[in-house]
């Protein structure tokens, strides 16, 4: 999903704010993500819903079975708001 993003693309994006617990560790070295950016995505698939001129609405439909047939950002927005309200 993230690989299909282009500058100026319309979509719904759900990044998280990085803090001191947000880091990438490899070979015993930690890279604190907040040193690179204030916000980011947990993964490259589930946290973006994009509008493509050629493909329509693009998102990980397998991750969201309740909206797998969604064809507009309005439908997706309603679902997200519903889920946020449910978890309050």
PDB file of N, CA and C in Angstrom:
ATOM      1  N   UNK A   1       0.810  -1.176   0.000  1.00  0.00           N
ATOM      2  CA  UNK A   1       0.000   0.000   0.000  1.00  0.00           C
ATOM      3  C   UNK A   1       0.867   1.259   0.000  1.00  0.00           C
ATOM      4  N   UNK A   2       1.768   1.348   0.936  1.00  0.00           N
ATOM      5  CA  UNK A   2       2.629   2.523   1.028  1.00  0.00           C
ATOM      6  C   UNK A   2       3.418   2.707  -0.268  1.00  0.00           C
ATOM      7  N   UNK A   3       3.783   1.609  -0.897  1.00  0.00           N
ATOM      8  CA  UNK A   3       4.571   1.700  -2.129  1.00  0.00           C
ATOM      9  C   UNK A   3       3.783   2.321  -3.277  1.00  0.00           C
ATOM     10  N   UNK A   4       2.459   2.341  -3.200  1.00  0.00           N
ATOM     11  CA  UNK A   4       1.658   2.951  -4.264  1.00  0.00           C
ATOM     12  C   UNK A   4       1.374   4.429  -4.014  1.00  0.00           C
ATOM     13  N   UNK A   5       1.725   4.942  -2.834  1.00  0.00           N
ATOM     14  CA  UNK A   5       1.489   6.358  -2.525  1.00  0.00           C
ATOM     15  C   UNK A   5       2.340   7.254  -3.409  1.00  0.00           C
ATOM     16  N   UNK A   6       1.714   8.341  -3.831  1.00  0.00           N
ATOM     17  CA  UNK A   6       2.411   9.351  -4.607  1.00  0.00           C
ATOM     18  C   UNK A   6       2.089  10.723  -4.021  1.00  0.00           C
ATOM     19  N   UNK A   7       2.959  11.663  -4.211  1.00  0.00           N
ATOM     20  CA  UNK A   7       2.745  13.025  -3.737  1.00  0.00           C
ATOM     21  C   UNK A   7       1.432  13.546  -4.314  1.00  0.00           C
ATOM     22  N   UNK A   8       0.604  14.117  -3.448  1.00  0.00           N
ATOM     23  CA  UNK A   8      -0.655  14.699  -3.888  1.00  0.00           C
ATOM     24  C   UNK A   8      -1.816  13.731  -3.955  1.00  0.00           C
ATOM     25  N   UNK A   9      -1.580  12.465  -3.656  1.00  0.00           N
ATOM     26  CA  UNK A   9      -2.634  11.457  -3.711  1.00  0.00           C
ATOM     27  C   UNK A   9      -3.666  11.712  -2.620  1.00  0.00           C
ATOM     28  N   UNK A  10      -4.925  11.509  -2.959  1.00  0.00           N
ATOM     29  CA  UNK A  10      -6.016  11.644  -1.998  1.00  0.00           C
ATOM     30  C   UNK A  10      -6.187  10.332  -1.256  1.00  0.00           C
ATOM     31  N   UNK A  11      -6.493  10.430   0.036  1.00  0.00           N
ATOM     32  CA  UNK A  11      -6.714   9.206   0.792  1.00  0.00           C
ATOM     33  C   UNK A  11      -7.029   9.490   2.243  1.00  0.00           C
ATOM     34  N   UNK A  12      -7.211   8.417   2.973  1.00  0.00           N
ATOM     35  CA  UNK A  12      -7.349   8.475   4.422  1.00  0.00           C
ATOM     36  C   UNK A  12      -6.105   7.806   4.980  1.00  0.00           C
ATOM     37  N   UNK A  13      -5.390   8.514   5.834  1.00  0.00           N
ATOM     38  CA  UNK A  13      -4.132   8.023   6.367  1.00  0.00           C
ATOM     39  C   UNK A  13      -4.227   7.946   7.883  1.00  0.00           C
ATOM     40  N   UNK A  14      -3.766   6.858   8.461  1.00  0.00           N
ATOM     41  CA  UNK A  14      -3.851   6.661   9.908  1.00  0.00           C
ATOM     42  C   UNK A  14      -2.470   6.404  10.503  1.00  0.00           C
ATOM     43  N   UNK A  15      -1.630   7.446  10.534  1.00  0.00           N
ATOM     44  CA  UNK A  15      -0.308   7.284  11.141  1.00  0.00           C
ATOM     45  C   UNK A  15      -0.396   7.323  12.665  1.00  0.00           C
ATOM     46  N   UNK A  16       0.687   6.928  13.292  1.00  0.00           N
ATOM     47  CA  UNK A  16       0.803   7.044  14.747  1.00  0.00           C
ATOM     48  C   UNK A  16       1.890   8.073  15.058  1.00  0.00           C
ATOM     49  N   UNK A  17       1.808   8.680  16.230  1.00  0.00           N
ATOM     50  CA  UNK A  17       2.849   9.610  16.675  1.00  0.00           C
ATOM     51  C   UNK A  17       3.949   8.781  17.330  1.00  0.00           C
ATOM     52  N   UNK A  18       5.157   8.942  16.848  1.00  0.00           N
ATOM     53  CA  UNK A  18       6.282   8.218  17.423  1.00  0.00           C
ATOM     54  C   UNK A  18       6.646   8.788  18.792  1.00  0.00           C
ATOM     55  N   UNK A  19       7.093   7.905  19.682  1.00  0.00           N
ATOM     56  CA  UNK A  19       7.569   8.316  20.999  1.00  0.00           C
ATOM     57  C   UNK A  19       8.859   7.557  21.311  1.00  0.00           C
ATOM     58  N   UNK A  20       9.258   7.567  22.565  1.00  0.00           N
ATOM     59  CA  UNK A  20      10.520   6.924  22.954  1.00  0.00           C
ATOM     60  C   UNK A  20      10.494   5.404  22.822  1.00  0.00           C
ATOM     61  N   UNK A  21       9.307   4.841  22.679  1.00  0.00           N
ATOM     62  CA  UNK A  21       9.212   3.378  22.529  1.00  0.00           C
ATOM     63  C   UNK A  21       9.159   2.958  21.064  1.00  0.00           C
ATOM     64  N   UNK A  22       9.211   3.925  20.156  1.00  0.00           N
ATOM     65  CA  UNK A  22       9.142   3.642  18.719  1.00  0.00           C
ATOM     66  C   UNK A  22      10.556   3.585  18.147  1.00  0.00           C
ATOM     67  N   UNK A  23      10.995   2.391  17.843  1.00  0.00           N
ATOM     68  CA  UNK A  23      12.341   2.257  17.289  1.00  0.00           C
ATOM     69  C   UNK A  23      12.435   1.010  16.419  1.00  0.00           C
ATOM     70  N   UNK A  24      13.473   1.001  15.597  1.00  0.00           N
ATOM     71  CA  UNK A  24      13.819  -0.143  14.769  1.00  0.00           C
ATOM     72  C   UNK A  24      15.156  -0.639  15.299  1.00  0.00           C
ATOM     73  N   UNK A  25      15.243  -1.921  15.611  1.00  0.00           N
ATOM     74  CA  UNK A  25      16.490  -2.470  16.135  1.00  0.00           C
ATOM     75  C   UNK A  25      17.018  -3.519  15.179  1.00  0.00           C
ATOM     76  N   UNK A  26      18.294  -3.394  14.867  1.00  0.00           N
ATOM     77  CA  UNK A  26      18.949  -4.349  13.977  1.00  0.00           C
ATOM     78  C   UNK A  26      20.422  -4.426  14.347  1.00  0.00           C
ATOM     79  N   UNK A  27      20.923  -5.634  14.428  1.00  0.00           N
ATOM     80  CA  UNK A  27      22.329  -5.863  14.758  1.00  0.00           C
ATOM     81  C   UNK A  27      22.747  -5.163  16.051  1.00  0.00           C
ATOM     82  N   UNK A  28      21.838  -5.159  17.031  1.00  0.00           N
ATOM     83  CA  UNK A  28      22.150  -4.578  18.328  1.00  0.00           C
ATOM     84  C   UNK A  28      22.133  -3.064  18.384  1.00  0.00           C
ATOM     85  N   UNK A  29      21.713  -2.431  17.300  1.00  0.00           N
ATOM     86  CA  UNK A  29      21.660  -0.972  17.252  1.00  0.00           C
ATOM     87  C   UNK A  29      20.212  -0.521  17.107  1.00  0.00           C
ATOM     88  N   UNK A  30      19.846   0.507  17.863  1.00  0.00           N
ATOM     89  CA  UNK A  30      18.487   1.037  17.795  1.00  0.00           C
ATOM     90  C   UNK A  30      18.465   2.353  17.023  1.00  0.00           C
ATOM     91  N   UNK A  31      17.493   2.468  16.139  1.00  0.00           N
ATOM     92  CA  UNK A  31      17.214   3.714  15.436  1.00  0.00           C
ATOM     93  C   UNK A  31      15.864   4.208  15.951  1.00  0.00           C
ATOM     94  N   UNK A  32      15.860   5.314  16.662  1.00  0.00           N
ATOM     95  CA  UNK A  32      14.617   5.862  17.186  1.00  0.00           C
ATOM     96  C   UNK A  32      13.890   6.589  16.059  1.00  0.00           C
ATOM     97  N   UNK A  33      12.681   6.128  15.775  1.00  0.00           N
ATOM     98  CA  UNK A  33      11.928   6.630  14.634  1.00  0.00           C
ATOM     99  C   UNK A  33      11.595   8.109  14.760  1.00  0.00           C
ATOM    100  N   UNK A  34      11.468   8.604  15.985  1.00  0.00           N
ATOM    101  CA  UNK A  34      11.185  10.030  16.179  1.00  0.00           C
ATOM    102  C   UNK A  34      12.366  10.907  15.756  1.00  0.00           C
ATOM    103  N   UNK A  35      13.549  10.317  15.592  1.00  0.00           N
ATOM    104  CA  UNK A  35      14.695  11.068  15.070  1.00  0.00           C
ATOM    105  C   UNK A  35      14.559  11.314  13.570  1.00  0.00           C
ATOM    106  N   UNK A  36      13.695  10.527  12.928  1.00  0.00           N
ATOM    107  CA  UNK A  36      13.505  10.631  11.480  1.00  0.00           C
ATOM    108  C   UNK A  36      12.237  11.407  11.139  1.00  0.00           C
ATOM    109  N   UNK A  37      11.157  11.108  11.870  1.00  0.00           N
ATOM    110  CA  UNK A  37       9.856  11.724  11.584  1.00  0.00           C
ATOM    111  C   UNK A  37       9.019  11.771  12.852  1.00  0.00           C
ATOM    112  N   UNK A  38       8.084  12.694  12.890  1.00  0.00           N
ATOM    113  CA  UNK A  38       7.205  12.818  14.051  1.00  0.00           C
ATOM    114  C   UNK A  38       6.111  11.744  14.038  1.00  0.00           C
ATOM    115  N   UNK A  39       5.670  11.371  12.827  1.00  0.00           N
ATOM    116  CA  UNK A  39       4.614  10.373  12.662  1.00  0.00           C
ATOM    117  C   UNK A  39       5.040   9.328  11.646  1.00  0.00           C
ATOM    118  N   UNK A  40       4.384   8.162  11.704  1.00  0.00           N
ATOM    119  CA  UNK A  40       4.658   7.115  10.733  1.00  0.00           C
ATOM    120  C   UNK A  40       3.579   6.045  10.792  1.00  0.00           C
ATOM    121  N   UNK A  41       3.693   5.066   9.924  1.00  0.00           N
ATOM    122  CA  UNK A  41       2.734   3.970   9.844  1.00  0.00           C
ATOM    123  C   UNK A  41       3.276   2.743  10.565  1.00  0.00           C
ATOM    124  N   UNK A  42       2.384   2.017  11.228  1.00  0.00           N
ATOM    125  CA  UNK A  42       2.807   0.783  11.899  1.00  0.00           C
ATOM    126  C   UNK A  42       3.279  -0.253  10.893  1.00  0.00           C
ATOM    127  N   UNK A  43       2.621  -0.303   9.745  1.00  0.00           N
ATOM    128  CA  UNK A  43       3.070  -1.178   8.662  1.00  0.00           C
ATOM    129  C   UNK A  43       2.670  -0.524   7.343  1.00  0.00           C
ATOM    130  N   UNK A  44       3.073  -1.103   6.272  1.00  0.00           N
ATOM    131  CA  UNK A  44       2.825  -0.506   4.966  1.00  0.00           C
ATOM    132  C   UNK A  44       1.540  -0.920   4.296  1.00  0.00           C
ATOM    133  N   UNK A  45       0.668  -1.606   5.017  1.00  0.00           N
ATOM    134  CA  UNK A  45      -0.534  -2.133   4.380  1.00  0.00           C
ATOM    135  C   UNK A  45      -1.850  -1.634   4.981  1.00  0.00           C
ATOM    136  N   UNK A  46      -1.990  -1.668   6.286  1.00  0.00           N
ATOM    137  CA  UNK A  46      -3.313  -1.521   6.903  1.00  0.00           C
ATOM    138  C   UNK A  46      -3.725  -0.103   7.262  1.00  0.00           C
ATOM    139  N   UNK A  47      -2.884   0.855   7.143  1.00  0.00           N
ATOM    140  CA  UNK A  47      -3.187   2.167   7.706  1.00  0.00           C
ATOM    141  C   UNK A  47      -3.299   3.276   6.669  1.00  0.00           C
ATOM    142  N   UNK A  48      -3.622   2.894   5.437  1.00  0.00           N
ATOM    143  CA  UNK A  48      -3.831   3.878   4.377  1.00  0.00           C
ATOM    144  C   UNK A  48      -4.917   3.380   3.432  1.00  0.00           C
ATOM    145  N   UNK A  49      -5.757   4.307   3.025  1.00  0.00           N
ATOM    146  CA  UNK A  49      -6.815   4.046   2.057  1.00  0.00           C
ATOM    147  C   UNK A  49      -6.627   5.097   0.974  1.00  0.00           C
ATOM    148  N   UNK A  50      -6.330   4.686  -0.233  1.00  0.00           N
ATOM    149  CA  UNK A  50      -5.924   5.610  -1.283  1.00  0.00           C
ATOM    150  C   UNK A  50      -6.912   5.642  -2.434  1.00  0.00           C
ATOM    151  N   UNK A  51      -6.954   6.782  -3.132  1.00  0.00           N
ATOM    152  CA  UNK A  51      -7.735   6.902  -4.354  1.00  0.00           C
ATOM    153  C   UNK A  51      -6.750   6.907  -5.511  1.00  0.00           C
ATOM    154  N   UNK A  52      -6.924   5.949  -6.417  1.00  0.00           N
ATOM    155  CA  UNK A  52      -6.076   5.846  -7.602  1.00  0.00           C
ATOM    156  C   UNK A  52      -6.924   6.138  -8.838  1.00  0.00           C
ATOM    157  N   UNK A  53      -6.395   6.941  -9.746  1.00  0.00           N
ATOM    158  CA  UNK A  53      -7.122   7.240 -10.981  1.00  0.00           C
ATOM    159  C   UNK A  53      -7.395   5.978 -11.784  1.00  0.00           C
ATOM    160  N   UNK A  54      -6.465   5.045 -11.757  1.00  0.00           N
ATOM    161  CA  UNK A  54      -6.617   3.835 -12.573  1.00  0.00           C
ATOM    162  C   UNK A  54      -7.272   2.667 -11.843  1.00  0.00           C
ATOM    163  N   UNK A  55      -7.132   2.616 -10.493  1.00  0.00           N
ATOM    164  CA  UNK A  55      -7.625   1.457  -9.749  1.00  0.00           C
ATOM    165  C   UNK A  55      -8.768   1.763  -8.789  1.00  0.00           C
ATOM    166  N   UNK A  56      -9.179   3.005  -8.690  1.00  0.00           N
ATOM    167  CA  UNK A  56     -10.236   3.362  -7.740  1.00  0.00           C
ATOM    168  C   UNK A  56      -9.695   3.396  -6.322  1.00  0.00           C
ATOM    169  N   UNK A  57     -10.477   2.888  -5.380  1.00  0.00           N
ATOM    170  CA  UNK A  57     -10.073   2.875  -3.973  1.00  0.00           C
ATOM    171  C   UNK A  57      -9.138   1.695  -3.726  1.00  0.00           C
ATOM    172  N   UNK A  58      -7.965   1.986  -3.170  1.00  0.00           N
ATOM    173  CA  UNK A  58      -6.971   0.948  -2.893  1.00  0.00           C
ATOM    174  C   UNK A  58      -6.770   0.858  -1.384  1.00  0.00           C
ATOM    175  N   UNK A  59      -6.920  -0.346  -0.839  1.00  0.00           N
ATOM    176  CA  UNK A  59      -6.598  -0.607   0.564  1.00  0.00           C
ATOM    177  C   UNK A  59      -6.507  -2.108   0.754  1.00  0.00           C
ATOM    178  N   UNK A  60      -6.011  -2.528   1.891  1.00  0.00           N
ATOM    179  CA  UNK A  60      -5.867  -3.955   2.187  1.00  0.00           C
ATOM    180  C   UNK A  60      -7.239  -4.526   2.542  1.00  0.00           C
ATOM    181  N   UNK A  61      -7.960  -4.969   1.537  1.00  0.00           N
ATOM    182  CA  UNK A  61      -9.334  -5.448   1.718  1.00  0.00           C
ATOM    183  C   UNK A  61      -9.397  -6.689   2.608  1.00  0.00           C
ATOM    184  N   UNK A  62      -8.368  -7.494   2.611  1.00  0.00           N
ATOM    185  CA  UNK A  62      -8.355  -8.679   3.485  1.00  0.00           C
ATOM    186  C   UNK A  62      -8.275  -8.291   4.958  1.00  0.00           C
ATOM    187  N   UNK A  63      -7.666  -7.155   5.252  1.00  0.00           N
ATOM    188  CA  UNK A  63      -7.544  -6.701   6.643  1.00  0.00           C
ATOM    189  C   UNK A  63      -8.848  -6.088   7.157  1.00  0.00           C
ATOM    190  N   UNK A  64      -9.740  -5.725   6.242  1.00  0.00           N
ATOM    191  CA  UNK A  64     -10.995  -5.070   6.609  1.00  0.00           C
ATOM    192  C   UNK A  64     -12.180  -5.777   5.954  1.00  0.00           C
ATOM    193  N   UNK A  65     -12.511  -6.983   6.408  1.00  0.00           N
ATOM    194  CA  UNK A  65     -13.600  -7.743   5.773  1.00  0.00           C
ATOM    195  C   UNK A  65     -14.953  -7.032   5.823  1.00  0.00           C
ATOM    196  N   UNK A  66     -15.184  -6.179   6.798  1.00  0.00           N
ATOM    197  CA  UNK A  66     -16.468  -5.474   6.909  1.00  0.00           C
ATOM    198  C   UNK A  66     -16.683  -4.461   5.793  1.00  0.00           C
ATOM    199  N   UNK A  67     -15.605  -3.990   5.188  1.00  0.00           N
ATOM    200  CA  UNK A  67     -15.735  -2.979   4.130  1.00  0.00           C
ATOM    201  C   UNK A  67     -15.060  -3.414   2.837  1.00  0.00           C
ATOM    202  N   UNK A  68     -14.933  -4.702   2.661  1.00  0.00           N
ATOM    203  CA  UNK A  68     -14.223  -5.199   1.478  1.00  0.00           C
ATOM    204  C   UNK A  68     -14.822  -4.696   0.163  1.00  0.00           C
ATOM    205  N   UNK A  69     -16.114  -4.392   0.169  1.00  0.00           N
ATOM    206  CA  UNK A  69     -16.782  -3.909  -1.047  1.00  0.00           C
ATOM    207  C   UNK A  69     -16.810  -2.385  -1.155  1.00  0.00           C
ATOM    208  N   UNK A  70     -16.176  -1.685  -0.241  1.00  0.00           N
ATOM    209  CA  UNK A  70     -16.205  -0.213  -0.245  1.00  0.00           C
ATOM    210  C   UNK A  70     -15.635   0.339  -1.542  1.00  0.00           C
ATOM    211  N   UNK A  71     -16.328   1.341  -2.080  1.00  0.00           N
ATOM    212  CA  UNK A  71     -15.897   1.963  -3.326  1.00  0.00           C
ATOM    213  C   UNK A  71     -15.690   3.465  -3.206  1.00  0.00           C
ATOM    214  N   UNK A  72     -15.741   3.984  -1.973  1.00  0.00           N
ATOM    215  CA  UNK A  72     -15.525   5.420  -1.786  1.00  0.00           C
ATOM    216  C   UNK A  72     -14.868   5.673  -0.434  1.00  0.00           C
ATOM    217  N   UNK A  73     -14.187   6.802  -0.358  1.00  0.00           N
ATOM    218  CA  UNK A  73     -13.587   7.189   0.917  1.00  0.00           C
ATOM    219  C   UNK A  73     -14.666   7.511   1.946  1.00  0.00           C
ATOM    220  N   UNK A  74     -15.834   7.950   1.500  1.00  0.00           N
ATOM    221  CA  UNK A  74     -16.930   8.220   2.437  1.00  0.00           C
ATOM    222  C   UNK A  74     -17.346   6.953   3.171  1.00  0.00           C
ATOM    223  N   UNK A  75     -17.452   5.839   2.458  1.00  0.00           N
ATOM    224  CA  UNK A  75     -17.793   4.560   3.091  1.00  0.00           C
ATOM    225  C   UNK A  75     -16.730   4.162   4.112  1.00  0.00           C
ATOM    226  N   UNK A  76     -15.487   4.344   3.735  1.00  0.00           N
ATOM    227  CA  UNK A  76     -14.377   3.982   4.621  1.00  0.00           C
ATOM    228  C   UNK A  76     -14.353   4.893   5.842  1.00  0.00           C
ATOM    229  N   UNK A  77     -14.584   6.178   5.632  1.00  0.00           N
ATOM    230  CA  UNK A  77     -14.615   7.115   6.757  1.00  0.00           C
ATOM    231  C   UNK A  77     -15.712   6.734   7.753  1.00  0.00           C
ATOM    232  N   UNK A  78     -16.894   6.399   7.261  1.00  0.00           N
ATOM    233  CA  UNK A  78     -17.987   5.996   8.160  1.00  0.00           C
ATOM    234  C   UNK A  78     -17.589   4.780   8.986  1.00  0.00           C
ATOM    235  N   UNK A  79     -16.939   3.817   8.347  1.00  0.00           N
ATOM    236  CA  UNK A  79     -16.484   2.614   9.051  1.00  0.00           C
ATOM    237  C   UNK A  79     -15.466   2.976  10.141  1.00  0.00           C
ATOM    238  N   UNK A  80     -14.492   3.791   9.805  1.00  0.00           N
ATOM    239  CA  UNK A  80     -13.450   4.172  10.768  1.00  0.00           C
ATOM    240  C   UNK A  80     -14.067   4.904  11.960  1.00  0.00           C
ATOM    241  N   UNK A  81     -14.949   5.855  11.697  1.00  0.00           N
ATOM    242  CA  UNK A  81     -15.607   6.592  12.780  1.00  0.00           C
ATOM    243  C   UNK A  81     -16.408   5.634  13.656  1.00  0.00           C
ATOM    244  N   UNK A  82     -17.114   4.711  13.030  1.00  0.00           N
ATOM    245  CA  UNK A  82     -17.883   3.712  13.782  1.00  0.00           C
ATOM    246  C   UNK A  82     -16.964   2.894  14.689  1.00  0.00           C
ATOM    247  N   UNK A  83     -15.822   2.466  14.180  1.00  0.00           N
ATOM    248  CA  UNK A  83     -14.893   1.660  14.970  1.00  0.00           C
ATOM    249  C   UNK A  83     -14.277   2.481  16.106  1.00  0.00           C
ATOM    250  N   UNK A  84     -13.960   3.732  15.847  1.00  0.00           N
ATOM    251  CA  UNK A  84     -13.417   4.599  16.898  1.00  0.00           C
ATOM    252  C   UNK A  84     -14.446   4.777  18.007  1.00  0.00           C
ATOM    253  N   UNK A  85     -15.685   5.054  17.624  1.00  0.00           N
ATOM    254  CA  UNK A  85     -16.748   5.255  18.617  1.00  0.00           C
ATOM    255  C   UNK A  85     -17.038   3.983  19.399  1.00  0.00           C
ATOM    256  N   UNK A  86     -16.933   2.848  18.757  1.00  0.00           N
ATOM    257  CA  UNK A  86     -17.180   1.567  19.424  1.00  0.00           C
ATOM    258  C   UNK A  86     -16.134   1.294  20.499  1.00  0.00           C
ATOM    259  N   UNK A  87     -14.915   1.728  20.265  1.00  0.00           N
ATOM    260  CA  UNK A  87     -13.807   1.435  21.176  1.00  0.00           C
ATOM    261  C   UNK A  87     -13.575   2.520  22.225  1.00  0.00           C
ATOM    262  N   UNK A  88     -14.477   3.446  22.364  1.00  0.00           N
ATOM    263  CA  UNK A  88     -14.326   4.513  23.377  1.00  0.00           C
ATOM    264  C   UNK A  88     -14.840   4.065  24.695  1.00  0.00           C
TER     265      UNK A  88
END
